[in-house]
């Protein structure tokens, strides 16, 4: 992980928190998903922002119920970032890029099926 990853994570976190605060003070709900607006179906990452907010509040059950894949990925990324920053541990794999991509696409598909059934 490079400093660019950490900067990106911090900027993402700051933007989500800012949007959450703006929407909360205005009494509105998040409606930023183009896919959901057009097709009226959840996209594979639908609920990711709410998941992030629930994780920030420490509500793991709600976070994982909104979007399990995003909750798992954000939790994993936070742990990985801490291990890299504090202990200098790096994540290395012997898997090929194609194998990793296939695994990620499979997880994305399973997550999407969950979201479609949870509506």
PDB file of N, CA and C in Angstrom:
ATOM      1  N   UNK A   1       0.855  -1.166   0.000  1.00  0.00           N
ATOM      2  CA  UNK A   1       0.000   0.000   0.000  1.00  0.00           C
ATOM      3  C   UNK A   1       0.902   1.230   0.000  1.00  0.00           C
ATOM      4  N   UNK A   2       0.507   2.179  -0.785  1.00  0.00           N
ATOM      5  CA  UNK A   2       1.307   3.394  -0.905  1.00  0.00           C
ATOM      6  C   UNK A   2       0.624   4.548  -0.198  1.00  0.00           C
ATOM      7  N   UNK A   3       1.343   5.646   0.003  1.00  0.00           N
ATOM      8  CA  UNK A   3       0.689   6.828   0.594  1.00  0.00           C
ATOM      9  C   UNK A   3      -0.502   7.308  -0.236  1.00  0.00           C
ATOM     10  N   UNK A   4      -0.473   7.061  -1.537  1.00  0.00           N
ATOM     11  CA  UNK A   4      -1.612   7.435  -2.382  1.00  0.00           C
ATOM     12  C   UNK A   4      -2.888   6.706  -1.989  1.00  0.00           C
ATOM     13  N   UNK A   5      -2.758   5.413  -1.630  1.00  0.00           N
ATOM     14  CA  UNK A   5      -3.918   4.648  -1.158  1.00  0.00           C
ATOM     15  C   UNK A   5      -4.483   5.258   0.118  1.00  0.00           C
ATOM     16  N   UNK A   6      -3.588   5.593   1.028  1.00  0.00           N
ATOM     17  CA  UNK A   6      -4.044   6.180   2.292  1.00  0.00           C
ATOM     18  C   UNK A   6      -4.707   7.532   2.059  1.00  0.00           C
ATOM     19  N   UNK A   7      -4.124   8.344   1.176  1.00  0.00           N
ATOM     20  CA  UNK A   7      -4.721   9.635   0.864  1.00  0.00           C
ATOM     21  C   UNK A   7      -6.086   9.449   0.224  1.00  0.00           C
ATOM     22  N   UNK A   8      -6.194   8.494  -0.692  1.00  0.00           N
ATOM     23  CA  UNK A   8      -7.481   8.207  -1.319  1.00  0.00           C
ATOM     24  C   UNK A   8      -8.527   7.769  -0.306  1.00  0.00           C
ATOM     25  N   UNK A   9      -8.126   6.916   0.633  1.00  0.00           N
ATOM     26  CA  UNK A   9      -9.056   6.452   1.668  1.00  0.00           C
ATOM     27  C   UNK A   9      -9.500   7.609   2.557  1.00  0.00           C
ATOM     28  N   UNK A  10      -8.572   8.480   2.889  1.00  0.00           N
ATOM     29  CA  UNK A  10      -8.922   9.642   3.718  1.00  0.00           C
ATOM     30  C   UNK A  10      -9.860  10.591   2.976  1.00  0.00           C
ATOM     31  N   UNK A  11      -9.592  10.843   1.703  1.00  0.00           N
ATOM     32  CA  UNK A  11     -10.467  11.715   0.918  1.00  0.00           C
ATOM     33  C   UNK A  11     -11.848  11.110   0.750  1.00  0.00           C
ATOM     34  N   UNK A  12     -11.905   9.791   0.503  1.00  0.00           N
ATOM     35  CA  UNK A  12     -13.196   9.116   0.398  1.00  0.00           C
ATOM     36  C   UNK A  12     -13.967   9.243   1.713  1.00  0.00           C
ATOM     37  N   UNK A  13     -13.284   8.972   2.812  1.00  0.00           N
ATOM     38  CA  UNK A  13     -13.926   9.060   4.131  1.00  0.00           C
ATOM     39  C   UNK A  13     -14.431  10.467   4.389  1.00  0.00           C
ATOM     40  N   UNK A  14     -13.615  11.462   4.093  1.00  0.00           N
ATOM     41  CA  UNK A  14     -14.023  12.844   4.317  1.00  0.00           C
ATOM     42  C   UNK A  14     -15.227  13.217   3.463  1.00  0.00           C
ATOM     43  N   UNK A  15     -15.262  12.762   2.213  1.00  0.00           N
ATOM     44  CA  UNK A  15     -16.398  13.101   1.355  1.00  0.00           C
ATOM     45  C   UNK A  15     -17.676  12.415   1.818  1.00  0.00           C
ATOM     46  N   UNK A  16     -17.590  11.153   2.242  1.00  0.00           N
ATOM     47  CA  UNK A  16     -18.783  10.449   2.720  1.00  0.00           C
ATOM     48  C   UNK A  16     -19.307  11.089   3.996  1.00  0.00           C
ATOM     49  N   UNK A  17     -18.409  11.422   4.905  1.00  0.00           N
ATOM     50  CA  UNK A  17     -18.836  12.060   6.155  1.00  0.00           C
ATOM     51  C   UNK A  17     -19.462  13.421   5.864  1.00  0.00           C
ATOM     52  N   UNK A  18     -18.874  14.176   4.946  1.00  0.00           N
ATOM     53  CA  UNK A  18     -19.438  15.486   4.587  1.00  0.00           C
ATOM     54  C   UNK A  18     -20.826  15.341   3.986  1.00  0.00           C
ATOM     55  N   UNK A  19     -20.984  14.404   3.038  1.00  0.00           N
ATOM     56  CA  UNK A  19     -22.303  14.175   2.443  1.00  0.00           C
ATOM     57  C   UNK A  19     -23.318  13.733   3.489  1.00  0.00           C
ATOM     58  N   UNK A  20     -22.884  12.869   4.392  1.00  0.00           N
ATOM     59  CA  UNK A  20     -23.777  12.392   5.444  1.00  0.00           C
ATOM     60  C   UNK A  20     -24.248  13.553   6.318  1.00  0.00           C
ATOM     61  N   UNK A  21     -23.317  14.399   6.722  1.00  0.00           N
ATOM     62  CA  UNK A  21     -23.672  15.540   7.571  1.00  0.00           C
ATOM     63  C   UNK A  21     -24.595  16.514   6.843  1.00  0.00           C
ATOM     64  N   UNK A  22     -24.312  16.784   5.573  1.00  0.00           N
ATOM     65  CA  UNK A  22     -25.164  17.689   4.795  1.00  0.00           C
ATOM     66  C   UNK A  22     -26.563  17.122   4.629  1.00  0.00           C
ATOM     67  N   UNK A  23     -26.654  15.836   4.282  1.00  0.00           N
ATOM     68  CA  UNK A  23     -27.965  15.213   4.104  1.00  0.00           C
ATOM     69  C   UNK A  23     -28.710  15.077   5.425  1.00  0.00           C
ATOM     70  N   UNK A  24     -27.997  14.789   6.507  1.00  0.00           N
ATOM     71  CA  UNK A  24     -28.651  14.653   7.814  1.00  0.00           C
ATOM     72  C   UNK A  24     -29.222  15.988   8.275  1.00  0.00           C
ATOM     73  N   UNK A  25     -28.460  17.046   8.083  1.00  0.00           N
ATOM     74  CA  UNK A  25     -28.941  18.354   8.536  1.00  0.00           C
ATOM     75  C   UNK A  25     -30.108  18.838   7.687  1.00  0.00           C
ATOM     76  N   UNK A  26     -30.160  18.414   6.419  1.00  0.00           N
ATOM     77  CA  UNK A  26     -31.256  18.814   5.537  1.00  0.00           C
ATOM     78  C   UNK A  26     -32.450  17.871   5.653  1.00  0.00           C
ATOM     79  N   UNK A  27     -32.267  16.734   6.344  1.00  0.00           N
ATOM     80  CA  UNK A  27     -33.355  15.776   6.518  1.00  0.00           C
ATOM     81  C   UNK A  27     -33.650  14.960   5.270  1.00  0.00           C
ATOM     82  N   UNK A  28     -32.673  14.805   4.397  1.00  0.00           N
ATOM     83  CA  UNK A  28     -32.879  14.042   3.167  1.00  0.00           C
ATOM     84  C   UNK A  28     -32.147  12.710   3.235  1.00  0.00           C
ATOM     85  N   UNK A  29     -32.420  11.858   2.275  1.00  0.00           N
ATOM     86  CA  UNK A  29     -31.755  10.560   2.163  1.00  0.00           C
ATOM     87  C   UNK A  29     -30.765  10.613   1.011  1.00  0.00           C
ATOM     88  N   UNK A  30     -29.766   9.734   1.059  1.00  0.00           N
ATOM     89  CA  UNK A  30     -28.825   9.632  -0.050  1.00  0.00           C
ATOM     90  C   UNK A  30     -29.555   9.118  -1.280  1.00  0.00           C
ATOM     91  N   UNK A  31     -29.326   9.722  -2.415  1.00  0.00           N
ATOM     92  CA  UNK A  31     -29.889   9.285  -3.670  1.00  0.00           C
ATOM     93  C   UNK A  31     -28.882   9.481  -4.786  1.00  0.00           C
ATOM     94  N   UNK A  32     -27.687   8.960  -4.593  1.00  0.00           N
ATOM     95  CA  UNK A  32     -26.600   9.233  -5.509  1.00  0.00           C
ATOM     96  C   UNK A  32     -26.354   8.124  -6.520  1.00  0.00           C
ATOM     97  N   UNK A  33     -27.084   7.052  -6.475  1.00  0.00           N
ATOM     98  CA  UNK A  33     -26.816   5.900  -7.340  1.00  0.00           C
ATOM     99  C   UNK A  33     -27.575   6.045  -8.661  1.00  0.00           C
ATOM    100  N   UNK A  34     -26.833   6.269  -9.734  1.00  0.00           N
ATOM    101  CA  UNK A  34     -27.429   6.416 -11.060  1.00  0.00           C
ATOM    102  C   UNK A  34     -28.126   5.131 -11.490  1.00  0.00           C
ATOM    103  N   UNK A  35     -27.498   3.980 -11.260  1.00  0.00           N
ATOM    104  CA  UNK A  35     -28.064   2.691 -11.631  1.00  0.00           C
ATOM    105  C   UNK A  35     -29.421   2.489 -10.961  1.00  0.00           C
ATOM    106  N   UNK A  36     -29.495   2.796  -9.674  1.00  0.00           N
ATOM    107  CA  UNK A  36     -30.742   2.616  -8.925  1.00  0.00           C
ATOM    108  C   UNK A  36     -31.817   3.580  -9.417  1.00  0.00           C
ATOM    109  N   UNK A  37     -31.426   4.802  -9.744  1.00  0.00           N
ATOM    110  CA  UNK A  37     -32.385   5.792 -10.227  1.00  0.00           C
ATOM    111  C   UNK A  37     -32.973   5.387 -11.579  1.00  0.00           C
ATOM    112  N   UNK A  38     -32.160   4.827 -12.455  1.00  0.00           N
ATOM    113  CA  UNK A  38     -32.604   4.479 -13.806  1.00  0.00           C
ATOM    114  C   UNK A  38     -33.371   3.158 -13.827  1.00  0.00           C
ATOM    115  N   UNK A  39     -32.816   2.111 -13.223  1.00  0.00           N
ATOM    116  CA  UNK A  39     -33.399   0.771 -13.324  1.00  0.00           C
ATOM    117  C   UNK A  39     -34.269   0.386 -12.129  1.00  0.00           C
ATOM    118  N   UNK A  40     -34.266   1.188 -11.091  1.00  0.00           N
ATOM    119  CA  UNK A  40     -35.023   0.920  -9.860  1.00  0.00           C
ATOM    120  C   UNK A  40     -34.669  -0.432  -9.257  1.00  0.00           C
ATOM    121  N   UNK A  41     -33.408  -0.812  -9.418  1.00  0.00           N
ATOM    122  CA  UNK A  41     -32.847  -2.018  -8.810  1.00  0.00           C
ATOM    123  C   UNK A  41     -31.564  -1.616  -8.096  1.00  0.00           C
ATOM    124  N   UNK A  42     -31.213  -2.314  -7.035  1.00  0.00           N
ATOM    125  CA  UNK A  42     -29.946  -1.985  -6.388  1.00  0.00           C
ATOM    126  C   UNK A  42     -28.766  -2.403  -7.262  1.00  0.00           C
ATOM    127  N   UNK A  43     -27.761  -1.551  -7.310  1.00  0.00           N
ATOM    128  CA  UNK A  43     -26.542  -1.924  -8.026  1.00  0.00           C
ATOM    129  C   UNK A  43     -25.720  -2.844  -7.108  1.00  0.00           C
ATOM    130  N   UNK A  44     -24.679  -3.497  -7.615  1.00  0.00           N
ATOM    131  CA  UNK A  44     -23.909  -4.424  -6.776  1.00  0.00           C
ATOM    132  C   UNK A  44     -23.279  -3.780  -5.541  1.00  0.00           C
ATOM    133  N   UNK A  45     -23.073  -2.475  -5.563  1.00  0.00           N
ATOM    134  CA  UNK A  45     -22.480  -1.794  -4.408  1.00  0.00           C
ATOM    135  C   UNK A  45     -23.481  -0.876  -3.710  1.00  0.00           C
ATOM    136  N   UNK A  46     -24.754  -1.036  -4.026  1.00  0.00           N
ATOM    137  CA  UNK A  46     -25.796  -0.193  -3.451  1.00  0.00           C
ATOM    138  C   UNK A  46     -25.788  -0.298  -1.918  1.00  0.00           C
ATOM    139  N   UNK A  47     -25.894   0.813  -1.270  1.00  0.00           N
ATOM    140  CA  UNK A  47     -25.870   0.847   0.187  1.00  0.00           C
ATOM    141  C   UNK A  47     -24.470   0.984   0.754  1.00  0.00           C
ATOM    142  N   UNK A  48     -23.481   1.151  -0.107  1.00  0.00           N
ATOM    143  CA  UNK A  48     -22.101   1.257   0.356  1.00  0.00           C
ATOM    144  C   UNK A  48     -21.853   2.461   1.235  1.00  0.00           C
ATOM    145  N   UNK A  49     -22.480   3.584   0.895  1.00  0.00           N
ATOM    146  CA  UNK A  49     -22.306   4.792   1.710  1.00  0.00           C
ATOM    147  C   UNK A  49     -22.943   4.611   3.080  1.00  0.00           C
ATOM    148  N   UNK A  50     -24.149   4.054   3.097  1.00  0.00           N
ATOM    149  CA  UNK A  50     -24.811   3.796   4.391  1.00  0.00           C
ATOM    150  C   UNK A  50     -24.029   2.777   5.204  1.00  0.00           C
ATOM    151  N   UNK A  51     -23.459   1.789   4.516  1.00  0.00           N
ATOM    152  CA  UNK A  51     -22.628   0.792   5.189  1.00  0.00           C
ATOM    153  C   UNK A  51     -21.443   1.464   5.869  1.00  0.00           C
ATOM    154  N   UNK A  52     -20.784   2.367   5.153  1.00  0.00           N
ATOM    155  CA  UNK A  52     -19.642   3.094   5.702  1.00  0.00           C
ATOM    156  C   UNK A  52     -20.056   3.897   6.935  1.00  0.00           C
ATOM    157  N   UNK A  53     -21.194   4.574   6.853  1.00  0.00           N
ATOM    158  CA  UNK A  53     -21.679   5.379   7.983  1.00  0.00           C
ATOM    159  C   UNK A  53     -21.976   4.473   9.182  1.00  0.00           C
ATOM    160  N   UNK A  54     -22.613   3.325   8.958  1.00  0.00           N
ATOM    161  CA  UNK A  54     -22.892   2.393  10.066  1.00  0.00           C
ATOM    162  C   UNK A  54     -21.597   1.877  10.681  1.00  0.00           C
ATOM    163  N   UNK A  55     -20.584   1.616   9.860  1.00  0.00           N
ATOM    164  CA  UNK A  55     -19.281   1.185  10.397  1.00  0.00           C
ATOM    165  C   UNK A  55     -18.657   2.288  11.245  1.00  0.00           C
ATOM    166  N   UNK A  56     -18.778   3.525  10.794  1.00  0.00           N
ATOM    167  CA  UNK A  56     -18.241   4.643  11.584  1.00  0.00           C
ATOM    168  C   UNK A  56     -18.927   4.752  12.945  1.00  0.00           C
ATOM    169  N   UNK A  57     -20.212   4.431  12.971  1.00  0.00           N
ATOM    170  CA  UNK A  57     -20.962   4.470  14.234  1.00  0.00           C
ATOM    171  C   UNK A  57     -20.776   3.205  15.061  1.00  0.00           C
ATOM    172  N   UNK A  58     -20.040   2.221  14.518  1.00  0.00           N
ATOM    173  CA  UNK A  58     -19.779   0.997  15.252  1.00  0.00           C
ATOM    174  C   UNK A  58     -20.897  -0.024  15.189  1.00  0.00           C
ATOM    175  N   UNK A  59     -21.862   0.190  14.303  1.00  0.00           N
ATOM    176  CA  UNK A  59     -22.998  -0.726  14.183  1.00  0.00           C
ATOM    177  C   UNK A  59     -22.703  -1.758  13.087  1.00  0.00           C
ATOM    178  N   UNK A  60     -21.979  -2.803  13.466  1.00  0.00           N
ATOM    179  CA  UNK A  60     -21.555  -3.813  12.501  1.00  0.00           C
ATOM    180  C   UNK A  60     -22.722  -4.585  11.905  1.00  0.00           C
ATOM    181  N   UNK A  61     -23.729  -4.881  12.707  1.00  0.00           N
ATOM    182  CA  UNK A  61     -24.873  -5.657  12.211  1.00  0.00           C
ATOM    183  C   UNK A  61     -25.599  -4.904  11.103  1.00  0.00           C
ATOM    184  N   UNK A  62     -25.867  -3.621  11.316  1.00  0.00           N
ATOM    185  CA  UNK A  62     -26.534  -2.837  10.276  1.00  0.00           C
ATOM    186  C   UNK A  62     -25.651  -2.684   9.053  1.00  0.00           C
ATOM    187  N   UNK A  63     -24.355  -2.488   9.279  1.00  0.00           N
ATOM    188  CA  UNK A  63     -23.425  -2.323   8.158  1.00  0.00           C
ATOM    189  C   UNK A  63     -23.426  -3.565   7.282  1.00  0.00           C
ATOM    190  N   UNK A  64     -23.325  -4.737   7.893  1.00  0.00           N
ATOM    191  CA  UNK A  64     -23.288  -5.972   7.117  1.00  0.00           C
ATOM    192  C   UNK A  64     -24.646  -6.305   6.505  1.00  0.00           C
ATOM    193  N   UNK A  65     -25.735  -5.829   7.090  1.00  0.00           N
ATOM    194  CA  UNK A  65     -27.050  -6.086   6.493  1.00  0.00           C
ATOM    195  C   UNK A  65     -27.297  -5.180   5.286  1.00  0.00           C
ATOM    196  N   UNK A  66     -26.725  -3.982   5.273  1.00  0.00           N
ATOM    197  CA  UNK A  66     -26.901  -3.069   4.134  1.00  0.00           C
ATOM    198  C   UNK A  66     -26.149  -3.557   2.911  1.00  0.00           C
ATOM    199  N   UNK A  67     -24.888  -3.928   3.086  1.00  0.00           N
ATOM    200  CA  UNK A  67     -24.080  -4.424   1.982  1.00  0.00           C
ATOM    201  C   UNK A  67     -22.907  -5.209   2.555  1.00  0.00           C
ATOM    202  N   UNK A  68     -23.031  -6.532   2.606  1.00  0.00           N
ATOM    203  CA  UNK A  68     -21.986  -7.357   3.224  1.00  0.00           C
ATOM    204  C   UNK A  68     -20.618  -7.220   2.561  1.00  0.00           C
ATOM    205  N   UNK A  69     -20.587  -7.120   1.242  1.00  0.00           N
ATOM    206  CA  UNK A  69     -19.303  -7.041   0.549  1.00  0.00           C
ATOM    207  C   UNK A  69     -18.571  -5.740   0.872  1.00  0.00           C
ATOM    208  N   UNK A  70     -19.285  -4.640   0.854  1.00  0.00           N
ATOM    209  CA  UNK A  70     -18.663  -3.348   1.178  1.00  0.00           C
ATOM    210  C   UNK A  70     -18.226  -3.322   2.636  1.00  0.00           C
ATOM    211  N   UNK A  71     -19.056  -3.840   3.534  1.00  0.00           N
ATOM    212  CA  UNK A  71     -18.691  -3.862   4.954  1.00  0.00           C
ATOM    213  C   UNK A  71     -17.429  -4.698   5.169  1.00  0.00           C
ATOM    214  N   UNK A  72     -17.375  -5.857   4.534  1.00  0.00           N
ATOM    215  CA  UNK A  72     -16.202  -6.721   4.661  1.00  0.00           C
ATOM    216  C   UNK A  72     -14.971  -6.050   4.070  1.00  0.00           C
ATOM    217  N   UNK A  73     -15.119  -5.464   2.882  1.00  0.00           N
ATOM    218  CA  UNK A  73     -13.980  -4.827   2.213  1.00  0.00           C
ATOM    219  C   UNK A  73     -13.458  -3.629   3.011  1.00  0.00           C
ATOM    220  N   UNK A  74     -14.356  -2.809   3.535  1.00  0.00           N
ATOM    221  CA  UNK A  74     -13.922  -1.650   4.316  1.00  0.00           C
ATOM    222  C   UNK A  74     -13.255  -2.069   5.622  1.00  0.00           C
ATOM    223  N   UNK A  75     -13.793  -3.098   6.269  1.00  0.00           N
ATOM    224  CA  UNK A  75     -13.189  -3.604   7.498  1.00  0.00           C
ATOM    225  C   UNK A  75     -11.814  -4.198   7.209  1.00  0.00           C
ATOM    226  N   UNK A  76     -11.718  -4.967   6.129  1.00  0.00           N
ATOM    227  CA  UNK A  76     -10.444  -5.547   5.736  1.00  0.00           C
ATOM    228  C   UNK A  76      -9.424  -4.460   5.379  1.00  0.00           C
ATOM    229  N   UNK A  77      -9.863  -3.457   4.641  1.00  0.00           N
ATOM    230  CA  UNK A  77      -8.973  -2.366   4.252  1.00  0.00           C
ATOM    231  C   UNK A  77      -8.486  -1.588   5.470  1.00  0.00           C
ATOM    232  N   UNK A  78      -9.380  -1.341   6.421  1.00  0.00           N
ATOM    233  CA  UNK A  78      -8.977  -0.620   7.634  1.00  0.00           C
ATOM    234  C   UNK A  78      -7.942  -1.419   8.421  1.00  0.00           C
ATOM    235  N   UNK A  79      -8.177  -2.724   8.574  1.00  0.00           N
ATOM    236  CA  UNK A  79      -7.215  -3.562   9.280  1.00  0.00           C
ATOM    237  C   UNK A  79      -5.883  -3.643   8.562  1.00  0.00           C
ATOM    238  N   UNK A  80      -5.943  -3.797   7.244  1.00  0.00           N
ATOM    239  CA  UNK A  80      -4.732  -3.869   6.436  1.00  0.00           C
ATOM    240  C   UNK A  80      -3.951  -2.559   6.525  1.00  0.00           C
ATOM    241  N   UNK A  81      -4.654  -1.436   6.480  1.00  0.00           N
ATOM    242  CA  UNK A  81      -4.005  -0.124   6.578  1.00  0.00           C
ATOM    243  C   UNK A  81      -3.297   0.041   7.916  1.00  0.00           C
ATOM    244  N   UNK A  82      -3.959  -0.400   8.988  1.00  0.00           N
ATOM    245  CA  UNK A  82      -3.337  -0.303  10.314  1.00  0.00           C
ATOM    246  C   UNK A  82      -2.090  -1.173  10.405  1.00  0.00           C
ATOM    247  N   UNK A  83      -2.196  -2.406   9.915  1.00  0.00           N
ATOM    248  CA  UNK A  83      -1.031  -3.298   9.956  1.00  0.00           C
ATOM    249  C   UNK A  83       0.122  -2.748   9.119  1.00  0.00           C
ATOM    250  N   UNK A  84      -0.190  -2.170   7.976  1.00  0.00           N
ATOM    251  CA  UNK A  84       0.842  -1.612   7.117  1.00  0.00           C
ATOM    252  C   UNK A  84       1.474  -0.365   7.734  1.00  0.00           C
ATOM    253  N   UNK A  85       0.621   0.484   8.305  1.00  0.00           N
ATOM    254  CA  UNK A  85       1.113   1.743   8.866  1.00  0.00           C
ATOM    255  C   UNK A  85       1.894   1.513  10.151  1.00  0.00           C
ATOM    256  N   UNK A  86       1.366   0.697  11.051  1.00  0.00           N
ATOM    257  CA  UNK A  86       1.980   0.528  12.371  1.00  0.00           C
ATOM    258  C   UNK A  86       3.129  -0.476  12.340  1.00  0.00           C
ATOM    259  N   UNK A  87       2.910  -1.630  11.719  1.00  0.00           N
ATOM    260  CA  UNK A  87       3.906  -2.696  11.754  1.00  0.00           C
ATOM    261  C   UNK A  87       4.718  -2.835  10.471  1.00  0.00           C
ATOM    262  N   UNK A  88       4.325  -2.150   9.418  1.00  0.00           N
ATOM    263  CA  UNK A  88       5.031  -2.246   8.150  1.00  0.00           C
ATOM    264  C   UNK A  88       4.772  -3.534   7.402  1.00  0.00           C
ATOM    265  N   UNK A  89       3.723  -4.279   7.782  1.00  0.00           N
ATOM    266  CA  UNK A  89       3.394  -5.530   7.100  1.00  0.00           C
ATOM    267  C   UNK A  89       2.775  -5.242   5.739  1.00  0.00           C
ATOM    268  N   UNK A  90       3.192  -5.984   4.747  1.00  0.00           N
ATOM    269  CA  UNK A  90       2.665  -5.808   3.404  1.00  0.00           C
ATOM    270  C   UNK A  90       1.896  -7.051   2.992  1.00  0.00           C
ATOM    271  N   UNK A  91       0.864  -6.847   2.213  1.00  0.00           N
ATOM    272  CA  UNK A  91       0.046  -7.944   1.713  1.00  0.00           C
ATOM    273  C   UNK A  91       0.621  -8.408   0.386  1.00  0.00           C
ATOM    274  N   UNK A  92       0.984  -9.668   0.325  1.00  0.00           N
ATOM    275  CA  UNK A  92       1.503 -10.236  -0.912  1.00  0.00           C
ATOM    276  C   UNK A  92       0.749 -11.522  -1.202  1.00  0.00           C
ATOM    277  N   UNK A  93       0.595 -11.811  -2.485  1.00  0.00           N
ATOM    278  CA  UNK A  93      -0.110 -13.011  -2.886  1.00  0.00           C
ATOM    279  C   UNK A  93       0.613 -13.671  -4.053  1.00  0.00           C
ATOM    280  N   UNK A  94       0.440 -14.961  -4.165  1.00  0.00           N
ATOM    281  CA  UNK A  94       0.995 -15.686  -5.303  1.00  0.00           C
ATOM    282  C   UNK A  94      -0.069 -15.919  -6.371  1.00  0.00           C
ATOM    283  N   UNK A  95      -1.287 -15.441  -6.124  1.00  0.00           N
ATOM    284  CA  UNK A  95      -2.372 -15.606  -7.092  1.00  0.00           C
ATOM    285  C   UNK A  95      -2.146 -14.706  -8.296  1.00  0.00           C
ATOM    286  N   UNK A  96      -2.597 -15.169  -9.443  1.00  0.00           N
ATOM    287  CA  UNK A  96      -2.481 -14.348 -10.643  1.00  0.00           C
ATOM    288  C   UNK A  96      -3.554 -13.263 -10.628  1.00  0.00           C
ATOM    289  N   UNK A  97      -3.343 -12.239 -11.409  1.00  0.00           N
ATOM    290  CA  UNK A  97      -4.332 -11.157 -11.498  1.00  0.00           C
ATOM    291  C   UNK A  97      -5.673 -11.690 -11.995  1.00  0.00           C
ATOM    292  N   UNK A  98      -5.629 -12.639 -12.901  1.00  0.00           N
ATOM    293  CA  UNK A  98      -6.858 -13.216 -13.445  1.00  0.00           C
ATOM    294  C   UNK A  98      -7.635 -13.947 -12.356  1.00  0.00           C
ATOM    295  N   UNK A  99      -6.944 -14.677 -11.491  1.00  0.00           N
ATOM    296  CA  UNK A  99      -7.596 -15.401 -10.393  1.00  0.00           C
ATOM    297  C   UNK A  99      -8.214 -14.429  -9.402  1.00  0.00           C
ATOM    298  N   UNK A 100      -7.487 -13.384  -9.057  1.00  0.00           N
ATOM    299  CA  UNK A 100      -8.003 -12.375  -8.129  1.00  0.00           C
ATOM    300  C   UNK A 100      -9.227 -11.698  -8.733  1.00  0.00           C
ATOM    301  N   UNK A 101      -9.145 -11.319 -10.009  1.00  0.00           N
ATOM    302  CA  UNK A 101     -10.273 -10.675 -10.675  1.00  0.00           C
ATOM    303  C   UNK A 101     -11.485 -11.591 -10.720  1.00  0.00           C
ATOM    304  N   UNK A 102     -11.287 -12.858 -11.029  1.00  0.00           N
ATOM    305  CA  UNK A 102     -12.405 -13.817 -11.061  1.00  0.00           C
ATOM    306  C   UNK A 102     -13.041 -13.945  -9.687  1.00  0.00           C
ATOM    307  N   UNK A 103     -12.225 -14.002  -8.653  1.00  0.00           N
ATOM    308  CA  UNK A 103     -12.751 -14.086  -7.287  1.00  0.00           C
ATOM    309  C   UNK A 103     -13.542 -12.847  -6.903  1.00  0.00           C
ATOM    310  N   UNK A 104     -13.029 -11.684  -7.260  1.00  0.00           N
ATOM    311  CA  UNK A 104     -13.734 -10.433  -6.949  1.00  0.00           C
ATOM    312  C   UNK A 104     -15.053 -10.339  -7.710  1.00  0.00           C
ATOM    313  N   UNK A 105     -15.058 -10.736  -8.972  1.00  0.00           N
ATOM    314  CA  UNK A 105     -16.299 -10.718  -9.740  1.00  0.00           C
ATOM    315  C   UNK A 105     -17.323 -11.702  -9.179  1.00  0.00           C
ATOM    316  N   UNK A 106     -16.861 -12.854  -8.725  1.00  0.00           N
ATOM    317  CA  UNK A 106     -17.766 -13.825  -8.108  1.00  0.00           C
ATOM    318  C   UNK A 106     -18.381 -13.243  -6.825  1.00  0.00           C
ATOM    319  N   UNK A 107     -17.542 -12.633  -5.979  1.00  0.00           N
ATOM    320  CA  UNK A 107     -18.052 -12.013  -4.746  1.00  0.00           C
ATOM    321  C   UNK A 107     -19.033 -10.885  -5.057  1.00  0.00           C
ATOM    322  N   UNK A 108     -18.746 -10.112  -6.082  1.00  0.00           N
ATOM    323  CA  UNK A 108     -19.632  -9.024  -6.484  1.00  0.00           C
ATOM    324  C   UNK A 108     -20.984  -9.571  -6.939  1.00  0.00           C
ATOM    325  N   UNK A 109     -20.965 -10.668  -7.694  1.00  0.00           N
ATOM    326  CA  UNK A 109     -22.207 -11.283  -8.161  1.00  0.00           C
ATOM    327  C   UNK A 109     -23.017 -11.846  -6.993  1.00  0.00           C
ATOM    328  N   UNK A 110     -22.362 -12.538  -6.082  1.00  0.00           N
ATOM    329  CA  UNK A 110     -23.055 -13.091  -4.911  1.00  0.00           C
ATOM    330  C   UNK A 110     -23.648 -11.964  -4.071  1.00  0.00           C
ATOM    331  N   UNK A 111     -22.892 -10.888  -3.907  1.00  0.00           N
ATOM    332  CA  UNK A 111     -23.381  -9.735  -3.144  1.00  0.00           C
ATOM    333  C   UNK A 111     -24.596  -9.113  -3.826  1.00  0.00           C
ATOM    334  N   UNK A 112     -24.565  -9.025  -5.160  1.00  0.00           N
ATOM    335  CA  UNK A 112     -25.679  -8.440  -5.893  1.00  0.00           C
ATOM    336  C   UNK A 112     -26.931  -9.292  -5.750  1.00  0.00           C
ATOM    337  N   UNK A 113     -26.784 -10.601  -5.800  1.00  0.00           N
ATOM    338  CA  UNK A 113     -27.924 -11.496  -5.601  1.00  0.00           C
ATOM    339  C   UNK A 113     -28.510 -11.274  -4.203  1.00  0.00           C
ATOM    340  N   UNK A 114     -27.638 -11.125  -3.203  1.00  0.00           N
ATOM    341  CA  UNK A 114     -28.110 -10.848  -1.835  1.00  0.00           C
ATOM    342  C   UNK A 114     -28.917  -9.541  -1.808  1.00  0.00           C
ATOM    343  N   UNK A 115     -28.373  -8.492  -2.428  1.00  0.00           N
ATOM    344  CA  UNK A 115     -29.053  -7.192  -2.414  1.00  0.00           C
ATOM    345  C   UNK A 115     -30.390  -7.245  -3.157  1.00  0.00           C
ATOM    346  N   UNK A 116     -30.436  -7.980  -4.255  1.00  0.00           N
ATOM    347  CA  UNK A 116     -31.700  -8.106  -4.995  1.00  0.00           C
ATOM    348  C   UNK A 116     -32.749  -8.851  -4.173  1.00  0.00           C
ATOM    349  N   UNK A 117     -32.323  -9.861  -3.418  1.00  0.00           N
ATOM    350  CA  UNK A 117     -33.266 -10.622  -2.593  1.00  0.00           C
ATOM    351  C   UNK A 117     -33.643  -9.887  -1.313  1.00  0.00           C
ATOM    352  N   UNK A 118     -32.831  -8.960  -0.873  1.00  0.00           N
ATOM    353  CA  UNK A 118     -33.091  -8.241   0.378  1.00  0.00           C
ATOM    354  C   UNK A 118     -34.037  -7.060   0.188  1.00  0.00           C
ATOM    355  N   UNK A 119     -34.374  -6.701  -1.060  1.00  0.00           N
ATOM    356  CA  UNK A 119     -35.222  -5.527  -1.282  1.00  0.00           C
ATOM    357  C   UNK A 119     -36.631  -5.759  -0.857  1.00  0.00           C
TER     358      UNK A 119
END
